[in-house]
Protein backbone atom coordinates (compact mmCIF):
# COMPACT_ATOMS: atom_id res chain seq x y z
CA GLY A 1 0.00 0.00 0.00
CA ARG A 2 1.24 3.39 1.06
CA LEU A 3 4.51 2.17 2.60
CA LYS A 4 5.38 0.21 -0.54
CA SER A 5 4.71 3.29 -2.68
CA LEU A 6 6.88 5.42 -0.39
CA ALA A 7 9.70 2.88 -0.54
CA ALA A 8 9.51 2.78 -4.35
CA ALA A 9 9.67 6.58 -4.52
CA ALA A 10 12.66 6.62 -2.15
CA ALA A 11 14.42 4.03 -4.31
CA ARG A 12 13.88 6.14 -7.45
CA VAL A 13 15.24 9.22 -5.68
CA ALA A 14 18.29 7.23 -4.56
CA VAL A 15 18.94 6.04 -8.12
CA VAL A 16 18.89 9.63 -9.38
CA ALA A 17 20.87 11.13 -6.49
CA ALA A 18 23.53 8.43 -6.15
CA PRO A 19 25.79 9.20 -9.17
CA PRO A 20 26.68 12.82 -8.31
CA VAL A 21 27.06 11.98 -4.62
CA LEU A 22 29.31 9.01 -5.40
CA LYS A 23 31.34 11.09 -7.88
CA ASP A 24 31.89 13.80 -5.25
CA LEU A 25 32.81 11.16 -2.67
CA ALA A 26 35.34 9.57 -5.06
CA HIS A 27 36.91 12.98 -5.78
CA TYR A 28 37.06 13.75 -2.07
CA MET A 29 38.67 10.41 -1.22
CA ALA A 30 41.26 10.76 -4.00
CA ARG A 31 42.19 14.41 -3.57
CA CYS A 32 41.29 15.60 -0.07
CA ARG A 33 41.83 12.82 2.45
CA GLY A 34 45.35 12.86 3.76
CA ALA A 35 46.51 15.51 1.29
CA ALA A 36 49.14 17.88 2.65
CA ALA A 37 47.82 20.74 0.52
CA ALA A 38 44.13 20.09 -0.11
CA PRO A 39 42.45 21.98 -2.98
CA PRO A 40 40.10 24.82 -1.93
CA TRP A 41 36.96 22.86 -2.83
CA CYS A 42 37.82 20.29 -0.13
CA LEU A 43 37.09 22.84 2.58
CA GLY A 44 33.46 23.55 1.65
CA PRO A 45 30.43 22.27 3.58
CA ARG A 46 29.74 19.77 0.76
CA PRO A 47 33.04 19.28 -1.07
CA SER A 48 32.38 19.12 -4.82
CA ALA A 49 35.08 19.60 -7.43
CA PHE A 50 32.44 20.12 -10.13
CA ALA A 51 30.53 22.80 -8.18
CA HIS A 52 33.83 24.56 -7.46
CA ALA A 53 34.79 24.50 -11.16
CA GLN A 54 31.39 25.89 -12.10
CA ALA A 55 31.53 28.71 -9.56
CA ALA A 56 35.18 29.60 -10.19
CA GLY A 57 35.44 29.21 -13.95
CA TRP A 58 31.97 29.45 -15.44
CA GLY A 59 30.25 31.93 -13.16
CA VAL A 60 27.42 29.50 -12.43
CA GLY A 61 25.35 30.23 -9.35
CA PRO A 62 22.04 31.67 -8.20
CA PHE A 63 21.18 34.83 -10.13
CA THR A 64 24.54 35.07 -11.90
CA TYR A 65 22.69 35.22 -15.22
CA TRP A 66 20.78 38.36 -14.15
CA ARG A 67 23.07 41.00 -15.64
CA LEU A 68 22.28 44.19 -17.53
CA LYS A 69 23.80 42.75 -20.70
CA GLN A 70 21.10 40.02 -20.64
CA THR A 71 18.23 42.55 -20.94
CA PRO A 72 17.57 41.75 -24.64
CA ASN A 73 17.10 38.08 -23.77
CA PHE A 74 14.62 38.93 -21.04
CA LEU A 75 12.74 41.28 -23.38
CA LEU A 76 12.61 38.52 -25.99
CA ALA A 77 11.14 36.10 -23.45
CA ALA A 78 8.67 38.62 -21.98
CA PRO A 79 5.72 37.99 -24.37
CA ALA A 80 5.80 34.23 -23.86
CA LEU A 81 6.15 34.68 -20.11
CA ALA A 82 3.26 37.18 -20.03
CA LEU A 83 1.05 34.78 -22.01
CA ALA A 84 1.92 31.87 -19.74
CA LEU A 85 1.17 33.94 -16.63
CA ALA A 86 -2.15 35.16 -18.08
CA VAL A 87 -3.26 31.60 -18.86
CA ALA A 88 -2.19 30.40 -15.42
CA ARG A 89 -4.13 33.25 -13.78
CA ALA A 90 -7.25 32.52 -15.83
CA GLU A 91 -7.08 28.82 -14.99
CA TRP A 92 -6.56 29.60 -11.32
CA ARG A 93 -9.64 31.81 -11.27
CA ALA A 94 -11.73 29.26 -13.17
CA ALA A 95 -10.70 26.52 -10.75
CA ARG A 96 -11.62 28.71 -7.79
CA ARG A 97 -15.07 29.38 -9.33
CA ARG A 98 -15.61 25.65 -9.92
CA ASP A 99 -14.57 24.88 -6.34
CA ALA A 100 -16.87 27.59 -4.97
CA LYS A 101 -19.83 26.22 -6.99
CA ARG A 102 -19.08 22.69 -5.79
CA TRP A 103 -18.84 23.91 -2.20
CA LEU A 104 -22.15 25.76 -2.46
CA ALA A 105 -23.80 22.70 -4.01
CA ASP A 106 -22.58 20.57 -1.12
CA LEU A 107 -24.19 22.97 1.36
CA ARG A 108 -27.64 22.41 -0.15
């Protein structure tokens, strides 16, 4: 039943999460443990050589894309985003009306 479904979901999550965790663990074991001069990424809360390379070399991180030079890209995406938000808002309102009608019908 419910426990079996939960266990199956946990197994799927483990299958997806295991490769990056194992890769980071292998890098840590090979480069950080017992090293006289450990690389800087070894000292982080979750040592990850890949995350360090992304942050140091590629400028990857939360909100690093939000720069003034990216304004044309945001303007290009604005119509599609506005349409998607308008449809989502309309659907939200329609669902609320349907729920209100159902609730009122249940009161009768």
